[in-house]
Amino acid sequence: MLEYCDPAPGADIAMEQIPRAESAAETGRYSPLDLGTLLTGSFGVYKQHFGMLVAFFALLNLPPLLVMLYYAFVVERLQNPQWWTTGMALPPGVGWTELALVGLGFLVYYLLIYPFILIVPARLAGKTLMAREVTLKESIDYTRRHWWDTQSAYALFGGIVIALYLLPLIVSMLALVPGMEMGAITASFVMLLFVSLAFIYLLFRVVPLSGAVAFDRPAGNMYHRARSRLTHTFRLTRGNFWHVFLVMVITWILMSVARYVLVQPLIWILMLLGLWLDQGEVSFWSIGMWQPPLWVLSVQMVLQTLGTVLVVPFEYIVAAMLYFDLRFKSEGLDLTLNLARMSEPEPDPEEVVGENTSF
């Protein structure tokens, strides 16, 4: 008989309710998640870990924000129509080399922190779902240990995308053959359209990949582990594309609405305040022609970054919940976990989730 033990807060989101008036926690069983349960459960996980997630993502975004604030005067100058009459492309003291180095620095920085952006929320969501104690420190430590696994899995997917986009490029080379110019250009554009659609399709197919990196336990070297996790993700989303598509589109709509509601009123107030302080009057005509000063642009950047920090973790939590949902529906993982609960002693559910995940 199934023995009841106190789950962690929020763990009841994946447990089955039965007709009589027992709570989900009292039934103590996993079951597939419908659309509403998946989204509300994801919000429950986010709400439970809201403080640590916002603080963590704010810390990750602090270095880029400081750099953007430092270069805010570049944005200010480039937005000023009078700037173009000076004949200078950039403000004094800023060169193209310097801006290129800043851009390269951004790229390297985000490559370094990308695994933490993906895997930390996935670990928090998955372990909360399994009613196990979870901390930010444990999630960060796990991500640090599996940093290369994360990079290799997404690099393998990136290699597939690059190979796809090489096809129209190769076809366009036929334009070098006399008499085939128009045909090669037309064919390359048509192929580019189809490749772009294929890329969008593949993006939805790899949504649960962060969950696979966070909880799959494949064997082999780094390449085999990356291929196994990517293969597992494609198997999970096979036949479930429209389900993943619907979940993620609704998630992005909710995120956009939340970001707009939370941030846009503050930006409006900021713009009206800045216009009043700068020109002593406020009107729709004047705000349309007004060039915001440096301090307004800087505060606007801070508000926009804050809006991103507040909503982005929710997307990665939903992706992790999708990983479990698809495994429940496609592999019967919920049944396996329910049977494991009956064992004495009860095994760690994370070990049960990680079993048989080599492909």
Protein backbone atom coordinates (compact mmCIF):
# COMPACT_ATOMS: atom_id res chain seq x y z
CA MET A 1 0.00 0.00 0.00
CA LEU A 2 1.21 3.48 -0.81
CA GLU A 3 2.66 5.15 2.26
CA TYR A 4 2.05 8.87 2.70
CA CYS A 5 4.89 11.19 3.48
CA ASP A 6 4.83 14.97 3.62
CA PRO A 7 5.79 16.41 0.23
CA ALA A 8 7.61 19.66 -0.18
CA PRO A 9 5.48 22.79 -0.77
CA GLY A 10 4.20 22.92 -4.34
CA ALA A 11 4.85 19.23 -4.95
CA ASP A 12 1.15 18.43 -5.33
CA ILE A 13 1.04 20.01 -8.77
CA ALA A 14 1.83 16.70 -10.45
CA MET A 15 -0.22 14.43 -8.22
CA GLU A 16 -3.50 12.85 -9.12
CA GLN A 17 -6.78 13.96 -7.53
CA ILE A 18 -9.45 11.30 -6.90
CA PRO A 19 -13.22 11.76 -6.81
CA ARG A 20 -13.66 11.84 -3.03
CA ALA A 21 -12.65 14.86 -1.02
CA GLU A 22 -8.97 14.01 -0.57
CA SER A 23 -6.30 16.52 -1.41
CA ALA A 24 -3.75 15.77 -4.10
CA ALA A 25 -1.04 15.51 -1.46
CA GLU A 26 -3.04 12.81 0.33
CA THR A 27 -3.28 10.62 -2.79
CA GLY A 28 0.48 10.81 -3.25
CA ARG A 29 0.45 9.83 -6.93
CA TYR A 30 1.96 11.26 -10.09
CA SER A 31 -0.14 11.67 -13.22
CA PRO A 32 0.15 13.42 -16.62
CA LEU A 33 -0.41 17.17 -16.57
CA ASP A 34 -3.13 18.78 -18.62
CA LEU A 35 -2.53 22.25 -20.09
CA GLY A 36 -4.07 24.16 -17.21
CA THR A 37 -2.29 22.12 -14.54
CA LEU A 38 1.02 22.48 -16.33
CA LEU A 39 0.79 26.27 -16.50
CA THR A 40 -0.63 26.78 -13.01
CA GLY A 41 1.87 24.30 -11.63
CA SER A 42 4.71 26.17 -13.30
CA PHE A 43 3.43 29.40 -11.80
CA GLY A 44 3.28 27.68 -8.40
CA VAL A 45 6.92 26.63 -8.70
CA TYR A 46 7.91 30.14 -9.79
CA LYS A 47 5.94 31.69 -6.93
CA GLN A 48 7.57 29.36 -4.42
CA HIS A 49 11.10 30.21 -5.62
CA PHE A 50 10.34 33.76 -6.75
CA GLY A 51 12.80 35.59 -4.52
CA MET A 52 15.83 33.41 -5.26
CA LEU A 53 15.11 33.24 -8.99
CA VAL A 54 14.69 37.00 -9.40
CA ALA A 55 17.82 37.68 -7.34
CA PHE A 56 19.79 35.08 -9.32
CA PHE A 57 18.68 36.33 -12.74
CA ALA A 58 19.24 39.94 -11.68
CA LEU A 59 22.80 39.03 -10.70
CA LEU A 60 23.36 37.33 -14.06
CA ASN A 61 22.09 40.39 -15.92
CA LEU A 62 23.94 42.97 -13.82
CA PRO A 63 27.26 43.02 -15.79
CA PRO A 64 25.56 43.54 -19.19
CA LEU A 65 23.29 46.20 -17.68
CA LEU A 66 26.27 48.12 -16.28
CA VAL A 67 27.97 48.03 -19.69
CA MET A 68 24.78 49.20 -21.43
CA LEU A 69 24.43 52.04 -18.94
CA TYR A 70 28.03 53.03 -19.62
CA TYR A 71 27.32 53.16 -23.35
CA ALA A 72 23.86 54.72 -23.01
CA PHE A 73 25.26 57.99 -24.34
CA VAL A 74 25.95 56.18 -27.64
CA VAL A 75 22.27 55.30 -27.90
CA GLU A 76 21.34 58.87 -27.01
CA ARG A 77 23.56 60.32 -29.74
CA LEU A 78 22.41 57.86 -32.38
CA GLN A 79 18.75 58.65 -31.64
CA ASN A 80 19.31 62.36 -32.11
CA PRO A 81 18.52 63.43 -35.72
CA GLN A 82 21.05 66.26 -35.47
CA TRP A 83 23.78 63.69 -34.93
CA TRP A 84 23.68 62.58 -38.56
CA THR A 85 24.49 66.13 -39.76
CA THR A 86 27.86 66.03 -38.00
CA GLY A 87 29.23 63.46 -40.43
CA MET A 88 30.45 61.28 -37.53
CA ALA A 89 29.20 57.73 -37.10
CA LEU A 90 30.07 57.48 -33.42
CA PRO A 91 30.55 59.90 -30.51
CA PRO A 92 34.10 61.06 -29.73
CA GLY A 93 36.10 58.53 -27.76
CA VAL A 94 34.14 55.54 -29.05
CA GLY A 95 35.49 53.57 -31.99
CA TRP A 96 34.21 50.64 -33.99
CA THR A 97 36.93 48.41 -32.53
CA GLU A 98 35.81 49.26 -29.01
CA LEU A 99 32.18 48.54 -29.81
CA ALA A 100 33.16 45.28 -31.52
CA LEU A 101 35.06 44.20 -28.41
CA VAL A 102 32.05 45.05 -26.26
CA GLY A 103 29.84 42.95 -28.54
CA LEU A 104 32.33 40.07 -28.38
CA GLY A 105 32.39 40.41 -24.61
CA PHE A 106 28.59 40.16 -24.48
CA LEU A 107 28.71 37.03 -26.65
CA VAL A 108 31.34 35.31 -24.52
CA TYR A 109 29.57 36.28 -21.29
CA TYR A 110 26.21 34.89 -22.40
CA LEU A 111 27.85 31.69 -23.65
CA LEU A 112 29.37 31.26 -20.20
CA ILE A 113 26.17 31.86 -18.24
CA TYR A 114 23.69 30.26 -20.68
CA PRO A 115 23.76 26.86 -18.91
CA PHE A 116 22.88 28.55 -15.61
CA ILE A 117 19.97 30.42 -17.24
CA LEU A 118 18.56 27.13 -18.55
CA ILE A 119 19.38 24.48 -15.99
CA VAL A 120 18.96 26.23 -12.64
CA PRO A 121 15.18 26.85 -13.14
CA ALA A 122 14.82 23.33 -14.57
CA ARG A 123 16.38 21.79 -11.47
CA LEU A 124 14.21 23.89 -9.17
CA ALA A 125 11.07 22.90 -11.07
CA GLY A 126 11.89 19.21 -11.38
CA LYS A 127 12.91 18.66 -7.78
CA THR A 128 9.88 20.59 -6.54
CA LEU A 129 7.71 18.37 -8.74
CA MET A 130 9.31 15.28 -7.18
CA ALA A 131 8.69 16.62 -3.65
CA ARG A 132 12.39 16.79 -2.89
CA GLU A 133 14.27 19.46 -1.02
CA VAL A 134 15.79 21.93 -3.46
CA THR A 135 18.05 24.91 -2.98
CA LEU A 136 19.56 27.47 -5.30
CA LYS A 137 23.04 26.37 -4.25
CA GLU A 138 22.38 22.75 -5.24
CA SER A 139 20.98 23.84 -8.61
CA ILE A 140 23.98 26.08 -9.28
CA ASP A 141 26.42 23.33 -8.24
CA TYR A 142 24.68 20.82 -10.53
CA THR A 143 24.83 23.24 -13.44
CA ARG A 144 28.51 23.95 -12.79
CA ARG A 145 29.32 20.22 -12.81
CA HIS A 146 27.31 19.68 -16.02
CA TRP A 147 28.33 22.90 -17.75
CA TRP A 148 30.01 21.09 -20.62
CA ASP A 149 27.10 18.67 -20.98
CA THR A 150 24.75 21.61 -21.44
CA GLN A 151 27.02 23.35 -23.94
CA SER A 152 27.64 20.16 -25.92
CA ALA A 153 23.94 19.30 -26.18
CA TYR A 154 23.01 22.74 -27.47
CA ALA A 155 26.12 22.90 -29.66
CA LEU A 156 25.03 19.66 -31.33
CA PHE A 157 21.64 21.20 -32.02
CA GLY A 158 23.39 24.34 -33.31
CA GLY A 159 25.43 22.19 -35.68
CA ILE A 160 22.22 20.76 -37.14
CA VAL A 161 20.85 24.28 -37.66
CA ILE A 162 24.07 25.48 -39.31
CA ALA A 163 24.04 22.48 -41.64
CA LEU A 164 20.48 23.36 -42.67
CA TYR A 165 21.39 26.95 -43.48
CA LEU A 166 24.37 25.82 -45.51
CA LEU A 167 22.02 24.23 -48.05
CA PRO A 168 20.65 27.50 -49.55
CA LEU A 169 24.17 28.92 -49.45
CA ILE A 170 25.47 26.00 -51.49
CA VAL A 171 22.60 26.35 -53.97
CA SER A 172 23.33 30.07 -54.34
CA MET A 173 26.85 29.17 -55.50
CA LEU A 174 25.30 27.90 -58.74
CA ALA A 175 24.83 31.58 -59.64
CA LEU A 176 28.54 31.54 -60.54
CA VAL A 177 27.69 29.28 -63.49
CA PRO A 178 26.84 31.36 -66.60
CA GLY A 179 23.15 31.21 -67.48
CA MET A 180 22.05 29.92 -64.07
CA GLU A 181 22.10 33.18 -62.17
CA MET A 182 18.35 33.82 -61.79
CA GLY A 183 17.47 30.16 -61.27
CA ALA A 184 20.11 29.75 -58.56
CA ILE A 185 19.06 32.93 -56.74
CA THR A 186 15.36 31.98 -56.87
CA ALA A 187 16.06 28.43 -55.69
CA SER A 188 18.26 29.65 -52.83
CA PHE A 189 15.58 32.09 -51.63
CA VAL A 190 12.88 29.39 -51.75
CA MET A 191 15.16 26.99 -49.93
CA LEU A 192 16.02 29.66 -47.35
CA LEU A 193 12.30 30.09 -46.65
CA PHE A 194 11.84 26.37 -46.07
CA VAL A 195 14.99 26.15 -43.96
CA SER A 196 13.76 29.03 -41.79
CA LEU A 197 10.44 27.23 -41.26
CA ALA A 198 12.35 24.06 -40.42
CA PHE A 199 14.43 26.00 -37.91
CA ILE A 200 11.28 27.29 -36.16
CA TYR A 201 9.93 23.73 -36.12
CA LEU A 202 13.15 22.41 -34.58
CA LEU A 203 13.15 25.15 -31.93
CA PHE A 204 9.87 23.80 -30.57
CA ARG A 205 11.17 20.23 -30.79
CA VAL A 206 14.06 21.03 -28.41
CA VAL A 207 12.07 22.96 -25.79
CA PRO A 208 12.33 20.08 -23.22
CA LEU A 209 16.10 19.75 -23.78
CA SER A 210 16.88 21.72 -20.61
CA GLY A 211 14.93 19.14 -18.62
CA ALA A 212 16.82 16.34 -20.34
CA VAL A 213 20.15 17.94 -19.40
CA ALA A 214 18.95 18.47 -15.84
CA PHE A 215 17.63 14.94 -15.20
CA ASP A 216 18.71 12.45 -17.88
CA ARG A 217 21.64 10.22 -16.92
CA PRO A 218 23.04 8.90 -20.21
CA ALA A 219 26.25 6.90 -20.38
CA GLY A 220 29.29 7.45 -22.57
CA ASN A 221 31.60 10.31 -23.40
CA MET A 222 30.50 13.94 -23.73
CA TYR A 223 29.47 13.56 -27.38
CA HIS A 224 27.41 10.44 -26.68
CA ARG A 225 25.73 12.11 -23.71
CA ALA A 226 24.86 15.15 -25.84
CA ARG A 227 23.52 13.00 -28.67
CA SER A 228 21.55 10.87 -26.22
CA ARG A 229 19.87 13.87 -24.59
CA LEU A 230 19.05 15.45 -27.95
CA THR A 231 17.69 12.13 -29.26
CA HIS A 232 15.58 11.70 -26.14
CA THR A 233 14.17 15.21 -26.54
CA PHE A 234 13.24 14.58 -30.18
CA ARG A 235 11.54 11.31 -29.18
CA LEU A 236 9.53 13.05 -26.47
CA THR A 237 8.27 15.77 -28.82
CA ARG A 238 7.55 13.37 -31.69
CA GLY A 239 3.80 13.39 -32.08
CA ASN A 240 3.50 16.14 -29.46
CA PHE A 241 4.62 19.13 -31.52
CA TRP A 242 1.31 20.98 -31.38
CA HIS A 243 1.03 20.40 -27.66
CA VAL A 244 4.49 21.91 -27.10
CA PHE A 245 3.69 24.70 -29.56
CA LEU A 246 0.44 25.59 -27.76
CA VAL A 247 2.04 25.52 -24.30
CA MET A 248 4.96 27.73 -25.31
CA VAL A 249 2.85 30.23 -27.28
CA ILE A 250 0.51 30.66 -24.31
CA THR A 251 3.55 30.99 -22.04
CA TRP A 252 5.08 33.71 -24.23
CA ILE A 253 1.76 35.57 -24.38
CA LEU A 254 1.46 35.46 -20.60
CA MET A 255 5.06 36.63 -20.24
CA SER A 256 4.54 39.50 -22.69
CA VAL A 257 1.36 40.64 -20.96
CA ALA A 258 2.99 40.43 -17.53
CA ARG A 259 6.06 42.31 -18.69
CA TYR A 260 3.89 44.98 -20.33
CA VAL A 261 1.69 45.41 -17.27
CA LEU A 262 4.61 45.51 -14.85
CA VAL A 263 7.04 47.69 -16.81
CA GLN A 264 5.22 49.78 -19.42
CA PRO A 265 3.27 52.00 -16.98
CA LEU A 266 6.56 52.82 -15.22
CA ILE A 267 8.16 53.70 -18.56
CA TRP A 268 5.23 55.98 -19.42
CA ILE A 269 5.56 57.73 -16.08
CA LEU A 270 9.31 58.03 -16.63
CA MET A 271 8.86 59.54 -20.09
CA LEU A 272 6.22 62.03 -18.91
CA LEU A 273 8.36 63.01 -15.92
CA GLY A 274 11.44 63.41 -18.09
CA LEU A 275 9.55 65.50 -20.64
CA TRP A 276 8.11 67.74 -17.92
CA LEU A 277 11.52 68.27 -16.29
CA ASP A 278 13.20 68.84 -19.66
CA GLN A 279 10.68 71.12 -21.37
CA GLY A 280 8.30 72.21 -18.62
CA GLU A 281 5.22 70.91 -20.46
CA VAL A 282 3.60 67.63 -21.43
CA SER A 283 1.64 66.92 -24.61
CA PHE A 284 1.21 64.04 -27.01
CA TRP A 285 2.80 66.09 -29.83
CA SER A 286 5.82 67.05 -27.76
CA ILE A 287 6.46 63.52 -26.48
CA GLY A 288 6.42 62.21 -30.05
CA MET A 289 9.14 64.66 -31.15
CA TRP A 290 11.11 64.60 -27.90
CA GLN A 291 14.60 63.11 -27.67
CA PRO A 292 14.96 61.65 -24.16
CA PRO A 293 18.05 62.75 -22.24
CA LEU A 294 20.70 60.33 -21.04
CA TRP A 295 19.23 59.76 -17.57
CA VAL A 296 15.83 58.83 -19.02
CA LEU A 297 17.40 56.29 -21.38
CA SER A 298 19.42 54.84 -18.50
CA VAL A 299 16.42 54.40 -16.21
CA GLN A 300 14.45 52.93 -19.13
CA MET A 301 17.18 50.31 -19.66
CA VAL A 302 17.03 49.40 -15.97
CA LEU A 303 13.24 49.00 -16.10
CA GLN A 304 13.38 46.89 -19.26
CA THR A 305 16.04 44.64 -17.73
CA LEU A 306 13.95 44.31 -14.57
CA GLY A 307 10.95 43.29 -16.67
CA THR A 308 13.02 40.60 -18.37
CA VAL A 309 14.37 39.32 -15.05
CA LEU A 310 10.84 39.04 -13.65
CA VAL A 311 9.31 37.00 -16.47
CA VAL A 312 12.07 34.94 -18.12
CA PRO A 313 12.48 32.31 -15.34
CA PHE A 314 8.85 31.31 -15.85
CA GLU A 315 9.59 30.22 -19.44
CA TYR A 316 12.36 27.85 -18.35
CA ILE A 317 10.21 26.41 -15.57
CA VAL A 318 7.48 25.65 -18.11
CA ALA A 319 10.06 23.96 -20.36
CA ALA A 320 11.14 21.71 -17.48
CA MET A 321 7.55 20.88 -16.60
CA LEU A 322 6.97 19.96 -20.25
CA TYR A 323 9.87 17.51 -20.04
CA PHE A 324 8.15 15.65 -17.18
CA ASP A 325 4.72 15.92 -18.77
CA LEU A 326 5.95 14.39 -22.03
CA ARG A 327 7.75 11.62 -20.18
CA PHE A 328 4.59 10.88 -18.21
CA LYS A 329 2.55 10.66 -21.43
CA SER A 330 5.11 9.01 -23.74
CA GLU A 331 7.07 6.75 -21.40
CA GLY A 332 4.76 6.12 -18.47
CA LEU A 333 7.25 7.72 -16.09
CA ASP A 334 4.39 8.59 -13.75
CA LEU A 335 3.60 4.88 -13.34
CA THR A 336 7.25 4.08 -12.73
CA LEU A 337 7.49 6.75 -10.05
CA ASN A 338 4.26 5.58 -8.41
CA LEU A 339 5.57 1.99 -8.29
CA ALA A 340 8.88 3.21 -6.88
CA ARG A 341 7.00 4.86 -4.00
CA MET A 342 5.77 1.42 -2.95
CA SER A 343 9.29 0.03 -2.63
CA GLU A 344 11.02 -0.39 0.70
CA PRO A 345 13.16 1.59 1.09
CA GLU A 346 11.76 4.15 -1.34
CA PRO A 347 14.41 5.05 -3.96
CA ASP A 348 15.38 8.60 -4.78
CA PRO A 349 12.89 9.69 -7.48
CA GLU A 350 15.69 11.54 -9.29
CA GLU A 351 17.46 8.21 -9.79
CA VAL A 352 14.22 6.70 -11.11
CA VAL A 353 13.81 9.62 -13.56
CA GLY A 354 17.41 9.20 -14.73
CA GLU A 355 17.15 5.44 -15.41
CA ASN A 356 17.05 4.19 -18.99
CA THR A 357 17.84 7.60 -20.49
CA SER A 358 20.68 6.49 -22.77
CA PHE A 359 19.72 6.41 -26.46
